[in-house]
Amino acid sequence: MKVRRRAFVKNALRVGGGLSLWTCSGLTVFASQSAGKRDIPKAVLDWAGGRPLQFERVQLILPPLVENGFLVSTSVRVDSPMTSTDYVEELRLFSEVNPSPFIANFRLGPRLPEARIETRIRLADTQAVWAVARTNKGEFLCAYQQVIVTLAACAG
């Protein structure tokens, strides 16, 4: 009996350690995938108005696995000098699955020291969350990150 219990504990620790490493690494990985891997949601394309989306300079940080979709901690940072000639004007968050794809809108300007927001969002189900920034030069910078939600919010 003790041999089985020891084997079980060893295997459980291996699996738990592997999952914790995967989860921890997922928290620090910034979403900057290329558009070829995933279809861009219609709401994002509509807001960009046909302008090209650049998958760079945006760091979207979400936990890869959330137990409850009602409060999901979210952080977005855009690499921008935030000067009077080059700054982020607007930052929007979009959802692929929520009943309304538009999650949040933040107006920024050159007076801020950095283009960074932290908030909590509500997610209806497992999906990718998109962060799209519009600069004063008309560039659209974006990133997305997949989030697994075990208890959905926004039902109905």
C-alpha atoms as a PDB file:
ATOM      1  CA  MET A   1       0.000   0.000   0.000  1.00  0.00           C
ATOM      2  CA  LYS A   2       2.782   2.441   0.868  1.00  0.00           C
ATOM      3  CA  VAL A   3       4.491   1.884  -2.470  1.00  0.00           C
ATOM      4  CA  ARG A   4       1.344   2.861  -4.359  1.00  0.00           C
ATOM      5  CA  ARG A   5       0.791   5.901  -2.198  1.00  0.00           C
ATOM      6  CA  ARG A   6       4.386   7.043  -2.714  1.00  0.00           C
ATOM      7  CA  ALA A   7       4.094   6.516  -6.472  1.00  0.00           C
ATOM      8  CA  PHE A   8       0.840   8.465  -6.484  1.00  0.00           C
ATOM      9  CA  VAL A   9       2.355  11.349  -4.508  1.00  0.00           C
ATOM     10  CA  LYS A  10       5.437  11.448  -6.770  1.00  0.00           C
ATOM     11  CA  ASN A  11       3.298  11.512  -9.917  1.00  0.00           C
ATOM     12  CA  ALA A  12       0.972  14.123  -8.449  1.00  0.00           C
ATOM     13  CA  LEU A  13       3.937  16.330  -7.595  1.00  0.00           C
ATOM     14  CA  ARG A  14       5.345  15.935 -11.102  1.00  0.00           C
ATOM     15  CA  VAL A  15       2.037  16.890 -12.698  1.00  0.00           C
ATOM     16  CA  GLY A  16       1.465  19.735 -10.230  1.00  0.00           C
ATOM     17  CA  GLY A  17       4.978  21.052 -10.727  1.00  0.00           C
ATOM     18  CA  GLY A  18       4.599  20.929 -14.490  1.00  0.00           C
ATOM     19  CA  LEU A  19       1.263  22.743 -14.352  1.00  0.00           C
ATOM     20  CA  SER A  20       2.625  25.395 -12.016  1.00  0.00           C
ATOM     21  CA  LEU A  21       5.598  25.984 -14.323  1.00  0.00           C
ATOM     22  CA  TRP A  22       3.252  26.226 -17.311  1.00  0.00           C
ATOM     23  CA  THR A  23       0.953  28.628 -15.438  1.00  0.00           C
ATOM     24  CA  CYS A  24       3.797  30.802 -14.168  1.00  0.00           C
ATOM     25  CA  SER A  25       5.394  31.006 -17.582  1.00  0.00           C
ATOM     26  CA  GLY A  26       2.018  31.900 -19.082  1.00  0.00           C
ATOM     27  CA  LEU A  27       1.677  34.864 -16.740  1.00  0.00           C
ATOM     28  CA  THR A  28       4.906  36.419 -17.931  1.00  0.00           C
ATOM     29  CA  VAL A  29       4.513  35.756 -21.624  1.00  0.00           C
ATOM     30  CA  PHE A  30       3.289  38.826 -23.435  1.00  0.00           C
ATOM     31  CA  ALA A  31       0.741  38.431 -26.166  1.00  0.00           C
ATOM     32  CA  SER A  32       2.341  39.444 -29.443  1.00  0.00           C
ATOM     33  CA  GLN A  33       1.362  36.688 -31.819  1.00  0.00           C
ATOM     34  CA  SER A  34       1.104  37.250 -35.534  1.00  0.00           C
ATOM     35  CA  ALA A  35      -2.286  37.625 -37.175  1.00  0.00           C
ATOM     36  CA  GLY A  36      -1.745  34.506 -39.272  1.00  0.00           C
ATOM     37  CA  LYS A  37      -2.364  32.255 -36.279  1.00  0.00           C
ATOM     38  CA  ARG A  38      -5.840  33.589 -35.426  1.00  0.00           C
ATOM     39  CA  ASP A  39      -8.676  35.367 -37.182  1.00  0.00           C
ATOM     40  CA  ILE A  40      -9.007  38.992 -36.180  1.00  0.00           C
ATOM     41  CA  PRO A  41     -12.453  39.693 -34.660  1.00  0.00           C
ATOM     42  CA  LYS A  42     -14.848  41.819 -36.716  1.00  0.00           C
ATOM     43  CA  ALA A  43     -15.149  44.424 -33.929  1.00  0.00           C
ATOM     44  CA  VAL A  44     -11.368  45.007 -34.036  1.00  0.00           C
ATOM     45  CA  LEU A  45     -11.355  45.288 -37.839  1.00  0.00           C
ATOM     46  CA  ASP A  46     -14.311  47.703 -37.751  1.00  0.00           C
ATOM     47  CA  TRP A  47     -12.598  49.950 -35.219  1.00  0.00           C
ATOM     48  CA  ALA A  48      -9.360  49.969 -37.236  1.00  0.00           C
ATOM     49  CA  GLY A  49     -11.370  51.075 -40.264  1.00  0.00           C
ATOM     50  CA  GLY A  50      -9.354  49.067 -42.764  1.00  0.00           C
ATOM     51  CA  ARG A  51      -5.978  50.250 -41.502  1.00  0.00           C
ATOM     52  CA  PRO A  52      -3.328  47.557 -40.982  1.00  0.00           C
ATOM     53  CA  LEU A  53      -2.859  46.130 -37.500  1.00  0.00           C
ATOM     54  CA  GLN A  54       0.684  45.884 -36.190  1.00  0.00           C
ATOM     55  CA  PHE A  55       1.335  42.998 -33.802  1.00  0.00           C
ATOM     56  CA  GLU A  56       4.099  44.700 -31.893  1.00  0.00           C
ATOM     57  CA  ARG A  57       4.723  47.094 -29.006  1.00  0.00           C
ATOM     58  CA  VAL A  58       1.654  45.928 -27.038  1.00  0.00           C
ATOM     59  CA  GLN A  59       2.018  43.756 -23.951  1.00  0.00           C
ATOM     60  CA  LEU A  60      -1.253  42.192 -22.818  1.00  0.00           C
ATOM     61  CA  ILE A  61      -1.030  40.330 -19.532  1.00  0.00           C
ATOM     62  CA  LEU A  62      -3.845  38.069 -18.391  1.00  0.00           C
ATOM     63  CA  PRO A  63      -3.773  34.861 -16.376  1.00  0.00           C
ATOM     64  CA  PRO A  64      -3.887  31.911 -18.795  1.00  0.00           C
ATOM     65  CA  LEU A  65      -6.423  30.092 -16.591  1.00  0.00           C
ATOM     66  CA  VAL A  66      -9.105  31.812 -14.502  1.00  0.00           C
ATOM     67  CA  GLU A  67     -11.452  30.078 -12.150  1.00  0.00           C
ATOM     68  CA  ASN A  68     -14.126  32.772 -12.293  1.00  0.00           C
ATOM     69  CA  GLY A  69     -14.880  34.930 -15.341  1.00  0.00           C
ATOM     70  CA  PHE A  70     -16.530  37.676 -13.290  1.00  0.00           C
ATOM     71  CA  LEU A  71     -13.265  39.402 -12.291  1.00  0.00           C
ATOM     72  CA  VAL A  72     -10.255  38.809 -14.522  1.00  0.00           C
ATOM     73  CA  SER A  73      -7.220  40.930 -13.728  1.00  0.00           C
ATOM     74  CA  THR A  74      -5.875  42.547 -16.907  1.00  0.00           C
ATOM     75  CA  SER A  75      -2.856  44.709 -17.643  1.00  0.00           C
ATOM     76  CA  VAL A  76      -1.910  46.364 -20.929  1.00  0.00           C
ATOM     77  CA  ARG A  77       1.262  48.295 -21.712  1.00  0.00           C
ATOM     78  CA  VAL A  78       2.117  49.935 -25.016  1.00  0.00           C
ATOM     79  CA  ASP A  79       5.715  50.814 -25.835  1.00  0.00           C
ATOM     80  CA  SER A  80       5.363  54.480 -26.714  1.00  0.00           C
ATOM     81  CA  PRO A  81       7.521  57.513 -25.904  1.00  0.00           C
ATOM     82  CA  MET A  82       4.345  59.427 -24.848  1.00  0.00           C
ATOM     83  CA  THR A  83       5.637  62.756 -26.123  1.00  0.00           C
ATOM     84  CA  SER A  84       3.603  65.537 -27.733  1.00  0.00           C
ATOM     85  CA  THR A  85       4.514  64.210 -31.186  1.00  0.00           C
ATOM     86  CA  ASP A  86       4.227  60.451 -30.564  1.00  0.00           C
ATOM     87  CA  TYR A  87       1.709  59.035 -28.099  1.00  0.00           C
ATOM     88  CA  VAL A  88      -1.139  56.565 -27.644  1.00  0.00           C
ATOM     89  CA  GLU A  89      -4.532  58.270 -27.972  1.00  0.00           C
ATOM     90  CA  GLU A  90      -6.835  55.378 -27.233  1.00  0.00           C
ATOM     91  CA  LEU A  91      -6.661  51.826 -25.961  1.00  0.00           C
ATOM     92  CA  ARG A  92      -9.528  49.353 -26.329  1.00  0.00           C
ATOM     93  CA  LEU A  93     -10.131  45.833 -25.092  1.00  0.00           C
ATOM     94  CA  PHE A  94     -12.185  43.383 -27.154  1.00  0.00           C
ATOM     95  CA  SER A  95     -13.650  39.944 -26.552  1.00  0.00           C
ATOM     96  CA  GLU A  96     -14.230  37.138 -29.021  1.00  0.00           C
ATOM     97  CA  VAL A  97     -17.063  35.417 -27.135  1.00  0.00           C
ATOM     98  CA  ASN A  98     -18.795  37.935 -24.816  1.00  0.00           C
ATOM     99  CA  PRO A  99     -22.336  38.996 -25.846  1.00  0.00           C
ATOM    100  CA  SER A 100     -20.823  42.430 -26.558  1.00  0.00           C
ATOM    101  CA  PRO A 101     -17.319  42.265 -28.090  1.00  0.00           C
ATOM    102  CA  PHE A 102     -16.372  45.716 -26.786  1.00  0.00           C
ATOM    103  CA  ILE A 103     -15.066  45.405 -23.205  1.00  0.00           C
ATOM    104  CA  ALA A 104     -13.428  48.730 -22.336  1.00  0.00           C
ATOM    105  CA  ASN A 105     -12.113  51.996 -23.753  1.00  0.00           C
ATOM    106  CA  PHE A 106      -9.319  54.134 -22.291  1.00  0.00           C
ATOM    107  CA  ARG A 107      -8.344  57.602 -23.512  1.00  0.00           C
ATOM    108  CA  LEU A 108      -4.666  58.405 -23.062  1.00  0.00           C
ATOM    109  CA  GLY A 109      -2.527  61.391 -23.947  1.00  0.00           C
ATOM    110  CA  PRO A 110       0.984  62.821 -24.056  1.00  0.00           C
ATOM    111  CA  ARG A 111       0.824  64.015 -20.432  1.00  0.00           C
ATOM    112  CA  LEU A 112       0.978  60.443 -19.122  1.00  0.00           C
ATOM    113  CA  PRO A 113       4.444  59.052 -18.351  1.00  0.00           C
ATOM    114  CA  GLU A 114       3.590  55.710 -19.990  1.00  0.00           C
ATOM    115  CA  ALA A 115       0.774  54.058 -21.921  1.00  0.00           C
ATOM    116  CA  ARG A 116      -0.346  51.509 -19.350  1.00  0.00           C
ATOM    117  CA  ILE A 117      -3.655  50.438 -17.844  1.00  0.00           C
ATOM    118  CA  GLU A 118      -4.666  47.890 -15.242  1.00  0.00           C
ATOM    119  CA  THR A 119      -8.266  46.820 -14.805  1.00  0.00           C
ATOM    120  CA  ARG A 120     -10.554  43.879 -14.213  1.00  0.00           C
ATOM    121  CA  ILE A 121     -12.778  42.545 -16.952  1.00  0.00           C
ATOM    122  CA  ARG A 122     -15.653  40.069 -17.223  1.00  0.00           C
ATOM    123  CA  LEU A 123     -15.342  37.113 -19.592  1.00  0.00           C
ATOM    124  CA  ALA A 124     -18.235  34.969 -20.787  1.00  0.00           C
ATOM    125  CA  ASP A 125     -16.211  31.873 -21.623  1.00  0.00           C
ATOM    126  CA  THR A 126     -12.819  30.577 -22.763  1.00  0.00           C
ATOM    127  CA  GLN A 127     -11.612  32.942 -25.477  1.00  0.00           C
ATOM    128  CA  ALA A 128      -8.946  35.312 -26.720  1.00  0.00           C
ATOM    129  CA  VAL A 129      -8.909  38.861 -25.379  1.00  0.00           C
ATOM    130  CA  TRP A 130      -7.628  41.578 -27.719  1.00  0.00           C
ATOM    131  CA  ALA A 131      -5.929  44.857 -26.796  1.00  0.00           C
ATOM    132  CA  VAL A 132      -5.783  47.451 -29.574  1.00  0.00           C
ATOM    133  CA  ALA A 133      -4.055  50.822 -29.264  1.00  0.00           C
ATOM    134  CA  ARG A 134      -4.484  53.769 -31.637  1.00  0.00           C
ATOM    135  CA  THR A 135      -1.632  56.284 -31.793  1.00  0.00           C
ATOM    136  CA  ASN A 136      -1.850  59.947 -32.706  1.00  0.00           C
ATOM    137  CA  LYS A 137      -0.164  59.012 -36.008  1.00  0.00           C
ATOM    138  CA  GLY A 138      -3.048  56.705 -36.941  1.00  0.00           C
ATOM    139  CA  GLU A 139      -1.228  53.431 -36.256  1.00  0.00           C
ATOM    140  CA  PHE A 140      -3.131  50.506 -34.776  1.00  0.00           C
ATOM    141  CA  LEU A 141      -1.037  48.308 -32.491  1.00  0.00           C
ATOM    142  CA  CYS A 142      -2.507  45.130 -31.065  1.00  0.00           C
ATOM    143  CA  ALA A 143      -2.008  41.901 -29.170  1.00  0.00           C
ATOM    144  CA  TYR A 144      -4.206  39.071 -28.024  1.00  0.00           C
ATOM    145  CA  GLN A 145      -4.057  36.365 -25.403  1.00  0.00           C
ATOM    146  CA  GLN A 146      -6.041  33.173 -24.941  1.00  0.00           C
ATOM    147  CA  VAL A 147      -7.721  32.765 -21.533  1.00  0.00           C
ATOM    148  CA  ILE A 148      -9.313  29.573 -20.244  1.00  0.00           C
ATOM    149  CA  VAL A 149     -12.367  30.365 -18.090  1.00  0.00           C
ATOM    150  CA  THR A 150     -13.766  27.599 -15.878  1.00  0.00           C
ATOM    151  CA  LEU A 151     -16.812  29.508 -14.482  1.00  0.00           C
ATOM    152  CA  ALA A 152     -18.287  31.746 -17.152  1.00  0.00           C
ATOM    153  CA  ALA A 153     -19.636  35.240 -16.597  1.00  0.00           C
ATOM    154  CA  CYS A 154     -21.927  37.287 -18.902  1.00  0.00           C
ATOM    155  CA  ALA A 155     -24.271  34.347 -19.468  1.00  0.00           C
ATOM    156  CA  GLY A 156     -27.191  35.373 -21.620  1.00  0.00           C
END
